[in-house]
């Protein structure tokens, strides 16, 4: 959410920043509501002063026996009391209108974010590893013999409908090994705190990280009001919801492996083949809670944490900065990591690492007490995939495939597979 004081001080800059996201100016609407709210508050304060004065004068009129003045002042007190109640109700309603509007407005991009409309305007900043030279035509993950037997889309469709998969045998074991490897690396090498969180949350938590009110259709809600998390960003970030923490406890760095649920309401017809885009998937998510001066280096640190996973797995990738028109609503800057998928002959997103400034903190009312003293300040929040487990599975299968349909597995996974190094064309782990 945005600071209304900053909008008052420089509405033109606010509108200019939103225009970089392709949005129309909105500061005039915000300031009109804000002006009406403040006018009612001022009027209520004036009426309160009038009531206080009249209340004092009532006693004086009674003491001197001036019955007419006593009755007039008593009526005035009642009138001012009703006026104050009306003005306070109107101010409250205007404040709610203001909050409702501010909650729908996305974050402002940092100045160094490239301008653009969509993914075609994103800017590559790093490339690691060269795509493998295949002596045969590489297949997509669900076509590779070694993996095909372990991906049952028909049974999943019978159980749940489209965009679900049932993994079994070595494919399921490889999926589990990838998640375990990611967690171990983040905890032991990157210093993140492993956390197990609920996957059902209250609406206030979805509001806190920006999934509500505008993007509710992208998530699933239960009949009793809980929401299934679209990412552990929701639970990990909201750990500090409503809290004021000591600066000495920051930065807080969390990692969690969870199931994630997305309705994919805005992606009909996209990536429907295989398991690239699913309604239910697993992700290892990183979240950092920092002070404002730590958030910039922390963004780079988190990006490197995600990159380290890809490099350890030997997967070619590139890192891009998303342009202003392609970023998620809560981000001020986003680094996307795109892994090379030879079956599609292209790079595909496998991680987004975003810095949100104090945008989520204002929604959550999450602050810290400065060590040097002074009033509490809003924390800064960051989040990133480290990584999407299913998409990493796809990348490992496609990059490790051989002409006979077998798959060679990355060295770092061998200990998690009891020394086994490949999946045979028949789907056996050996």
Protein backbone atom coordinates (compact mmCIF):
# COMPACT_ATOMS: atom_id res chain seq x y z
CA UNK A 1 0.00 0.00 0.00
CA UNK A 2 1.09 3.56 -0.60
CA UNK A 3 1.94 6.41 1.76
CA UNK A 4 -0.79 9.04 1.36
CA UNK A 5 1.64 11.73 2.51
CA UNK A 6 4.00 10.95 -0.36
CA UNK A 7 1.11 11.21 -2.82
CA UNK A 8 0.06 14.59 -1.35
CA UNK A 9 3.62 15.90 -1.58
CA UNK A 10 4.23 14.87 -5.21
CA UNK A 11 1.15 13.61 -7.04
CA UNK A 12 2.76 14.14 -10.44
CA UNK A 13 5.63 11.78 -9.58
CA UNK A 14 3.14 9.19 -8.31
CA UNK A 15 1.15 9.29 -11.55
CA UNK A 16 4.34 9.22 -13.63
CA UNK A 17 5.51 6.06 -11.85
CA UNK A 18 2.14 4.37 -12.40
CA UNK A 19 2.20 5.35 -16.07
CA UNK A 20 5.35 3.23 -16.42
CA UNK A 21 3.12 0.28 -15.57
CA UNK A 22 0.67 1.37 -18.27
CA UNK A 23 -1.85 2.76 -15.78
CA UNK A 24 -3.87 5.97 -15.99
CA UNK A 25 -3.31 8.82 -13.50
CA UNK A 26 -5.16 8.27 -10.23
CA UNK A 27 -3.70 10.83 -7.80
CA UNK A 28 -6.56 13.30 -8.34
CA UNK A 29 -9.10 10.68 -7.26
CA UNK A 30 -7.01 9.75 -4.24
CA UNK A 31 -6.49 13.36 -3.16
CA UNK A 32 -10.18 14.25 -3.64
CA UNK A 33 -11.19 11.47 -1.23
CA UNK A 34 -8.37 12.41 1.13
CA UNK A 35 -9.41 16.08 1.10
CA UNK A 36 -13.01 15.17 1.87
CA UNK A 37 -11.89 12.91 4.72
CA UNK A 38 -9.62 15.57 6.24
CA UNK A 39 -12.31 18.28 5.88
CA UNK A 40 -14.76 16.16 7.87
CA UNK A 41 -12.17 15.45 10.53
CA UNK A 42 -11.46 19.18 10.85
CA UNK A 43 -15.18 19.96 10.97
CA UNK A 44 -15.67 17.34 13.68
CA UNK A 45 -12.84 18.86 15.72
CA UNK A 46 -14.38 22.33 15.37
CA UNK A 47 -17.79 20.99 16.39
CA UNK A 48 -16.18 19.26 19.37
CA UNK A 49 -14.66 22.56 20.50
CA UNK A 50 -18.08 24.25 20.14
CA UNK A 51 -19.68 21.45 22.16
CA UNK A 52 -17.06 21.72 24.89
CA UNK A 53 -17.58 25.47 25.19
CA UNK A 54 -21.38 25.12 25.20
CA UNK A 55 -21.15 22.43 27.89
CA UNK A 56 -19.22 24.81 30.16
CA UNK A 57 -21.66 27.64 29.50
CA UNK A 58 -24.64 25.43 30.36
CA UNK A 59 -23.56 25.26 33.98
CA UNK A 60 -22.98 29.02 34.15
CA UNK A 61 -26.46 29.75 32.72
CA UNK A 62 -28.10 27.47 35.24
CA UNK A 63 -26.12 29.05 38.11
CA UNK A 64 -27.37 32.53 37.28
CA UNK A 65 -30.93 31.31 36.72
CA UNK A 66 -31.06 32.13 32.99
CA UNK A 67 -33.47 29.37 31.96
CA UNK A 68 -33.79 30.49 28.33
CA UNK A 69 -30.03 30.50 27.80
CA UNK A 70 -29.75 27.19 29.64
CA UNK A 71 -32.21 25.53 27.29
CA UNK A 72 -30.60 27.07 24.21
CA UNK A 73 -27.16 25.87 25.23
CA UNK A 74 -28.41 22.41 26.16
CA UNK A 75 -30.00 22.09 22.72
CA UNK A 76 -26.75 23.30 21.16
CA UNK A 77 -24.78 20.64 23.01
CA UNK A 78 -27.15 17.94 21.71
CA UNK A 79 -26.96 19.39 18.20
CA UNK A 80 -23.16 19.44 18.22
CA UNK A 81 -23.04 15.90 19.60
CA UNK A 82 -25.16 14.66 16.70
CA UNK A 83 -23.09 16.71 14.22
CA UNK A 84 -19.84 15.23 15.56
CA UNK A 85 -21.20 11.69 15.27
CA UNK A 86 -22.31 12.34 11.68
CA UNK A 87 -18.99 13.90 10.69
CA UNK A 88 -17.00 11.08 12.30
CA UNK A 89 -19.10 8.49 10.46
CA UNK A 90 -18.58 10.34 7.18
CA UNK A 91 -14.84 10.64 7.82
CA UNK A 92 -14.68 6.94 8.60
CA UNK A 93 -16.52 6.12 5.38
CA UNK A 94 -14.18 8.34 3.36
CA UNK A 95 -11.18 6.75 5.04
CA UNK A 96 -12.49 3.32 4.05
CA UNK A 97 -12.96 4.53 0.46
CA UNK A 98 -9.39 5.79 0.50
CA UNK A 99 -7.99 2.53 1.87
CA UNK A 100 -10.02 0.46 -0.60
CA UNK A 101 -8.64 2.51 -3.50
CA UNK A 102 -5.04 2.43 -2.27
CA UNK A 103 -5.21 -1.35 -1.82
CA UNK A 104 -5.92 -1.82 -5.53
CA UNK A 105 -2.97 0.26 -6.78
CA UNK A 106 0.25 -1.65 -7.57
CA UNK A 107 3.67 -0.80 -6.25
CA UNK A 108 5.82 1.84 -7.92
CA UNK A 109 8.80 0.56 -9.94
CA UNK A 110 12.28 1.67 -8.92
CA UNK A 111 13.90 4.23 -11.22
CA UNK A 112 16.38 1.67 -12.56
CA UNK A 113 13.64 -0.73 -13.74
CA UNK A 114 13.55 -0.69 -17.56
CA UNK A 115 10.42 0.76 -19.15
CA UNK A 116 8.33 -1.62 -21.21
CA UNK A 117 4.95 -3.21 -21.78
CA UNK A 118 5.51 -6.97 -21.55
CA UNK A 119 8.05 -9.81 -21.44
CA UNK A 120 9.55 -8.74 -24.76
CA UNK A 121 10.92 -5.62 -23.07
CA UNK A 122 12.70 -7.43 -20.23
CA UNK A 123 16.48 -6.95 -20.07
CA UNK A 124 18.97 -9.80 -19.71
CA UNK A 125 21.68 -9.07 -17.13
CA UNK A 126 23.39 -12.47 -16.77
CA UNK A 127 23.77 -15.73 -18.64
CA UNK A 128 25.33 -18.86 -17.18
CA UNK A 129 26.17 -22.10 -18.95
CA UNK A 130 25.80 -22.96 -22.61
CA UNK A 131 22.88 -25.04 -23.86
CA UNK A 132 23.98 -28.58 -24.58
CA UNK A 133 24.61 -29.60 -28.19
CA UNK A 134 22.34 -32.59 -28.78
CA UNK A 135 23.18 -35.13 -31.50
CA UNK A 136 19.43 -35.84 -31.70
CA UNK A 137 16.20 -33.88 -31.49
CA UNK A 138 15.59 -33.32 -27.74
CA UNK A 139 12.10 -34.07 -26.47
CA UNK A 140 9.86 -32.26 -24.02
CA UNK A 141 9.77 -33.69 -20.51
CA UNK A 142 6.54 -35.67 -20.84
CA UNK A 143 7.79 -37.32 -24.08
CA UNK A 144 11.02 -38.72 -22.62
CA UNK A 145 10.75 -42.48 -22.07
CA UNK A 146 12.54 -42.41 -18.72
CA UNK A 147 10.01 -39.97 -17.27
CA UNK A 148 6.82 -40.65 -19.21
CA UNK A 149 5.91 -43.72 -17.15
CA UNK A 150 6.20 -41.65 -13.98
CA UNK A 151 3.87 -38.83 -15.14
CA UNK A 152 0.25 -39.93 -15.12
CA UNK A 153 -1.93 -37.14 -16.46
CA UNK A 154 -4.94 -39.34 -17.17
CA UNK A 155 -5.34 -40.57 -13.61
CA UNK A 156 -4.78 -37.05 -12.30
CA UNK A 157 -7.52 -35.79 -14.62
CA UNK A 158 -9.84 -38.51 -13.32
CA UNK A 159 -9.07 -37.48 -9.75
CA UNK A 160 -9.03 -33.69 -10.12
CA UNK A 161 -9.48 -32.48 -13.70
CA UNK A 162 -7.06 -30.80 -16.07
CA UNK A 163 -3.72 -29.26 -15.08
CA UNK A 164 -2.88 -31.83 -12.44
CA UNK A 165 -0.33 -34.65 -12.56
CA UNK A 166 0.24 -37.83 -10.58
CA UNK A 167 3.95 -38.55 -10.21
CA UNK A 168 5.13 -42.05 -9.33
CA UNK A 169 8.22 -44.21 -9.12
CA UNK A 170 11.63 -42.69 -9.93
CA UNK A 171 10.04 -39.48 -11.25
CA UNK A 172 8.35 -38.88 -7.90
CA UNK A 173 11.57 -39.73 -6.08
CA UNK A 174 13.56 -37.32 -8.25
CA UNK A 175 11.01 -34.59 -7.51
CA UNK A 176 11.41 -35.21 -3.76
CA UNK A 177 15.22 -35.25 -4.05
CA UNK A 178 15.19 -31.87 -5.78
CA UNK A 179 13.13 -30.27 -3.01
CA UNK A 180 15.38 -31.77 -0.32
CA UNK A 181 18.51 -30.59 -2.13
CA UNK A 182 17.13 -27.05 -2.42
CA UNK A 183 16.21 -26.89 1.27
CA UNK A 184 19.55 -28.26 2.42
CA UNK A 185 21.46 -25.80 0.22
CA UNK A 186 19.47 -22.78 1.42
CA UNK A 187 19.77 -23.77 5.07
CA UNK A 188 23.39 -24.97 5.16
CA UNK A 189 24.99 -22.74 2.53
CA UNK A 190 22.79 -19.63 2.44
CA UNK A 191 21.84 -19.29 6.11
CA UNK A 192 18.06 -19.33 5.67
CA UNK A 193 15.79 -20.59 8.46
CA UNK A 194 13.75 -23.61 7.42
CA UNK A 195 10.08 -23.10 8.20
CA UNK A 196 6.99 -25.28 7.88
CA UNK A 197 3.90 -23.16 7.38
CA UNK A 198 0.15 -23.73 6.95
CA UNK A 199 -1.21 -23.77 3.40
CA UNK A 200 -4.58 -22.38 4.53
CA UNK A 201 -4.66 -18.70 5.51
CA UNK A 202 -7.10 -15.97 6.50
CA UNK A 203 -8.14 -13.25 4.08
CA UNK A 204 -6.11 -10.70 6.06
CA UNK A 205 -2.93 -12.60 5.19
CA UNK A 206 -3.73 -12.60 1.46
CA UNK A 207 -4.48 -8.88 1.77
CA UNK A 208 -1.16 -8.30 3.53
CA UNK A 209 0.97 -9.60 0.66
CA UNK A 210 -1.24 -8.18 -2.10
CA UNK A 211 -3.16 -11.19 -3.43
CA UNK A 212 -6.36 -9.47 -2.27
CA UNK A 213 -8.51 -7.61 -3.07
CA UNK A 214 -7.58 -7.39 -6.75
CA UNK A 215 -6.32 -10.89 -7.59
CA UNK A 216 -8.69 -13.17 -5.69
CA UNK A 217 -9.74 -14.97 -8.87
CA UNK A 218 -6.21 -16.33 -9.23
CA UNK A 219 -6.48 -18.28 -5.96
CA UNK A 220 -8.77 -20.85 -4.35
CA UNK A 221 -11.00 -20.12 -1.34
CA UNK A 222 -12.64 -22.73 0.88
CA UNK A 223 -16.31 -22.60 1.82
CA UNK A 224 -15.45 -21.43 5.33
CA UNK A 225 -13.32 -18.51 4.13
CA UNK A 226 -9.76 -19.80 4.22
CA UNK A 227 -7.53 -19.37 1.18
CA UNK A 228 -5.14 -21.96 -0.25
CA UNK A 229 -1.78 -20.23 -0.57
CA UNK A 230 -0.54 -19.50 -4.10
CA UNK A 231 2.99 -19.39 -2.66
CA UNK A 232 4.65 -19.57 0.76
CA UNK A 233 5.44 -15.88 0.29
CA UNK A 234 2.01 -15.33 1.88
CA UNK A 235 2.72 -17.24 5.08
CA UNK A 236 6.41 -16.40 5.47
CA UNK A 237 5.98 -12.64 4.92
CA UNK A 238 2.97 -12.44 7.22
CA UNK A 239 4.98 -13.86 10.12
CA UNK A 240 5.58 -10.18 11.02
CA UNK A 241 2.01 -9.05 10.27
CA UNK A 242 0.99 -6.47 12.89
CA UNK A 243 4.31 -6.76 14.73
CA UNK A 244 6.96 -4.23 15.71
CA UNK A 245 10.26 -6.09 15.89
CA UNK A 246 13.68 -5.04 17.14
CA UNK A 247 16.14 -3.97 14.46
CA UNK A 248 18.66 -6.38 15.98
CA UNK A 249 16.50 -9.31 14.77
CA UNK A 250 16.77 -8.20 11.12
CA UNK A 251 17.31 -9.38 8.51
CA UNK A 252 15.08 -12.41 8.97
CA UNK A 253 15.62 -14.98 6.23
CA UNK A 254 13.11 -17.79 5.83
CA UNK A 255 12.73 -20.74 3.47
CA UNK A 256 9.79 -23.13 3.16
CA UNK A 257 8.83 -26.05 0.93
CA UNK A 258 5.08 -26.11 0.37
CA UNK A 259 2.35 -27.10 -1.98
CA UNK A 260 1.03 -24.07 -3.86
CA UNK A 261 -2.35 -23.60 -5.49
CA UNK A 262 -3.27 -21.30 -8.37
CA UNK A 263 -6.43 -21.19 -10.44
CA UNK A 264 -4.48 -19.75 -13.40
CA UNK A 265 -7.59 -17.71 -14.21
CA UNK A 266 -5.68 -15.40 -16.50
CA UNK A 267 -3.74 -18.04 -18.42
CA UNK A 268 -6.38 -20.05 -20.28
CA UNK A 269 -4.83 -21.96 -23.16
CA UNK A 270 -1.22 -21.32 -22.15
CA UNK A 271 1.32 -24.08 -21.52
CA UNK A 272 -1.29 -26.80 -21.19
CA UNK A 273 1.01 -29.62 -22.36
CA UNK A 274 2.86 -31.55 -19.67
CA UNK A 275 3.36 -30.19 -16.16
CA UNK A 276 4.76 -26.75 -16.88
CA UNK A 277 1.69 -24.88 -15.59
CA UNK A 278 -0.35 -26.67 -12.93
CA UNK A 279 -3.13 -25.80 -10.49
CA UNK A 280 -1.19 -27.56 -7.69
CA UNK A 281 2.60 -27.55 -7.57
CA UNK A 282 5.47 -27.49 -5.10
CA UNK A 283 7.88 -24.65 -4.54
CA UNK A 284 10.77 -23.84 -2.25
CA UNK A 285 10.18 -20.19 -1.34
CA UNK A 286 12.59 -17.66 0.17
CA UNK A 287 11.45 -14.55 2.09
CA UNK A 288 13.56 -11.85 3.72
CA UNK A 289 12.38 -9.19 6.17
CA UNK A 290 14.89 -6.33 6.34
CA UNK A 291 15.47 -2.71 7.21
CA UNK A 292 15.23 -0.24 4.29
CA UNK A 293 19.01 0.13 3.98
CA UNK A 294 19.44 -3.65 3.75
CA UNK A 295 16.86 -4.33 1.05
CA UNK A 296 19.02 -3.52 -1.97
CA UNK A 297 21.95 -5.84 -1.13
CA UNK A 298 19.43 -8.42 0.07
CA UNK A 299 17.77 -8.48 -3.35
CA UNK A 300 21.08 -9.32 -4.97
CA UNK A 301 21.83 -11.90 -2.29
CA UNK A 302 18.51 -13.69 -2.80
CA UNK A 303 18.99 -13.68 -6.57
CA UNK A 304 22.37 -15.34 -6.08
CA UNK A 305 20.81 -17.94 -3.75
CA UNK A 306 18.42 -19.00 -6.53
CA UNK A 307 21.19 -18.90 -9.15
CA UNK A 308 23.37 -21.13 -6.98
CA UNK A 309 20.75 -23.90 -7.10
CA UNK A 310 20.68 -23.84 -10.90
CA UNK A 311 24.45 -23.78 -11.14
CA UNK A 312 24.83 -26.71 -8.73
CA UNK A 313 22.40 -28.70 -10.90
CA UNK A 314 24.39 -27.79 -14.02
CA UNK A 315 21.41 -26.15 -15.71
CA UNK A 316 21.98 -23.33 -18.23
CA UNK A 317 20.01 -20.21 -17.35
CA UNK A 318 19.77 -16.50 -17.79
CA UNK A 319 18.75 -13.73 -15.39
CA UNK A 320 16.56 -10.87 -16.61
CA UNK A 321 15.24 -7.69 -15.03
CA UNK A 322 11.52 -7.45 -15.64
CA UNK A 323 10.37 -4.26 -17.32
CA UNK A 324 7.87 -1.95 -15.63
CA UNK A 325 4.90 -3.44 -17.47
CA UNK A 326 5.72 -7.09 -16.73
CA UNK A 327 6.31 -6.97 -12.96
CA UNK A 328 3.92 -8.37 -10.39
CA UNK A 329 1.74 -5.84 -8.58
CA UNK A 330 3.67 -5.96 -5.30
CA UNK A 331 7.18 -5.61 -6.69
CA UNK A 332 9.41 -2.57 -7.10
CA UNK A 333 12.00 -4.62 -8.99
CA UNK A 334 12.02 -8.27 -10.08
CA UNK A 335 14.80 -10.55 -11.30
CA UNK A 336 13.51 -13.55 -13.24
CA UNK A 337 15.69 -16.63 -13.62
CA UNK A 338 14.91 -18.47 -16.84
CA UNK A 339 16.21 -22.02 -17.29
CA UNK A 340 17.03 -23.50 -20.69
CA UNK A 341 14.52 -26.16 -21.81
CA UNK A 342 15.90 -27.96 -24.87
CA UNK A 343 12.58 -29.66 -25.58
CA UNK A 344 11.04 -26.23 -26.18
CA UNK A 345 14.29 -24.70 -27.48
CA UNK A 346 13.84 -21.68 -25.24
CA UNK A 347 14.41 -20.25 -21.77
CA UNK A 348 11.46 -20.49 -19.34
CA UNK A 349 10.92 -18.81 -15.98
CA UNK A 350 11.88 -20.94 -13.00
CA UNK A 351 12.23 -18.24 -10.32
CA UNK A 352 11.14 -14.66 -9.67
CA UNK A 353 13.02 -12.74 -6.99
CA UNK A 354 11.34 -9.46 -6.04
CA UNK A 355 11.98 -6.58 -3.69
CA UNK A 356 8.79 -4.89 -2.49
CA UNK A 357 10.10 -1.98 -0.41
CA UNK A 358 7.58 -1.09 2.32
CA UNK A 359 4.54 -1.81 0.11
CA UNK A 360 3.60 -5.08 1.85
CA UNK A 361 4.71 -3.80 5.26
CA UNK A 362 2.17 -0.95 5.10
CA UNK A 363 -0.58 -3.42 4.25
CA UNK A 364 0.51 -5.64 7.15
CA UNK A 365 1.43 -2.80 9.53
CA UNK A 366 4.81 -4.47 10.09
CA UNK A 367 7.48 -2.24 11.64
CA UNK A 368 10.84 -2.33 13.42
CA UNK A 369 12.29 -0.35 16.31
CA UNK A 370 15.51 1.37 15.16
CA UNK A 371 18.49 0.42 17.31
CA UNK A 372 19.50 4.10 17.48
CA UNK A 373 16.11 5.08 18.87
CA UNK A 374 13.27 7.03 17.33
CA UNK A 375 9.82 6.00 16.23
CA UNK A 376 9.21 2.61 14.58
CA UNK A 377 9.64 2.37 10.80
CA UNK A 378 8.14 0.02 8.24
CA UNK A 379 10.24 -3.04 7.37
CA UNK A 380 11.09 -3.94 3.78
CA UNK A 381 10.09 -7.33 2.38
CA UNK A 382 11.55 -9.50 -0.38
CA UNK A 383 10.54 -12.86 -1.81
CA UNK A 384 11.79 -15.33 -4.37
CA UNK A 385 11.47 -18.91 -5.61
CA UNK A 386 14.39 -21.06 -4.74
CA UNK A 387 13.13 -22.89 -6.89
CA UNK A 388 9.84 -24.07 -8.40
CA UNK A 389 10.31 -27.81 -7.88
CA UNK A 390 8.20 -29.05 -10.79
CA UNK A 391 9.86 -26.79 -13.31
CA UNK A 392 13.27 -27.82 -12.00
CA UNK A 393 12.24 -31.44 -12.51
CA UNK A 394 11.33 -30.58 -16.10
CA UNK A 395 14.69 -28.88 -16.66
CA UNK A 396 16.69 -31.79 -15.18
CA UNK A 397 14.85 -34.31 -17.35
CA UNK A 398 15.13 -32.33 -20.57
CA UNK A 399 18.77 -31.31 -20.15
CA UNK A 400 19.86 -34.79 -19.02
CA UNK A 401 18.05 -36.83 -21.69
CA UNK A 402 19.84 -39.19 -24.04
CA UNK A 403 18.93 -40.52 -27.47
CA UNK A 404 17.78 -43.90 -26.05
CA UNK A 405 15.24 -42.19 -23.77
CA UNK A 406 17.29 -42.43 -20.58
CA UNK A 407 18.15 -39.45 -18.36
CA UNK A 408 21.46 -38.73 -16.66
CA UNK A 409 20.97 -36.99 -13.30
CA UNK A 410 23.05 -34.13 -11.80
CA UNK A 411 25.91 -35.18 -9.53
CA UNK A 412 24.60 -33.19 -6.55
CA UNK A 413 21.45 -35.32 -6.50
CA UNK A 414 23.24 -38.69 -6.35
CA UNK A 415 23.49 -38.71 -2.51
CA UNK A 416 19.73 -38.02 -2.28
CA UNK A 417 19.09 -41.02 -4.57
CA UNK A 418 21.28 -43.47 -2.63
CA UNK A 419 24.04 -43.27 -5.24
CA UNK A 420 21.82 -43.83 -8.26
CA UNK A 421 22.81 -41.70 -11.23
CA UNK A 422 20.31 -42.16 -14.06
CA UNK A 423 16.82 -43.22 -15.06
CA UNK A 424 16.70 -45.92 -17.74
CA UNK A 425 14.44 -45.74 -20.80
CA UNK A 426 12.18 -48.24 -18.98
CA UNK A 427 11.82 -45.82 -16.05
CA UNK A 428 14.14 -47.56 -13.57
CA UNK A 429 16.43 -45.63 -11.23
CA UNK A 430 19.92 -47.11 -11.44
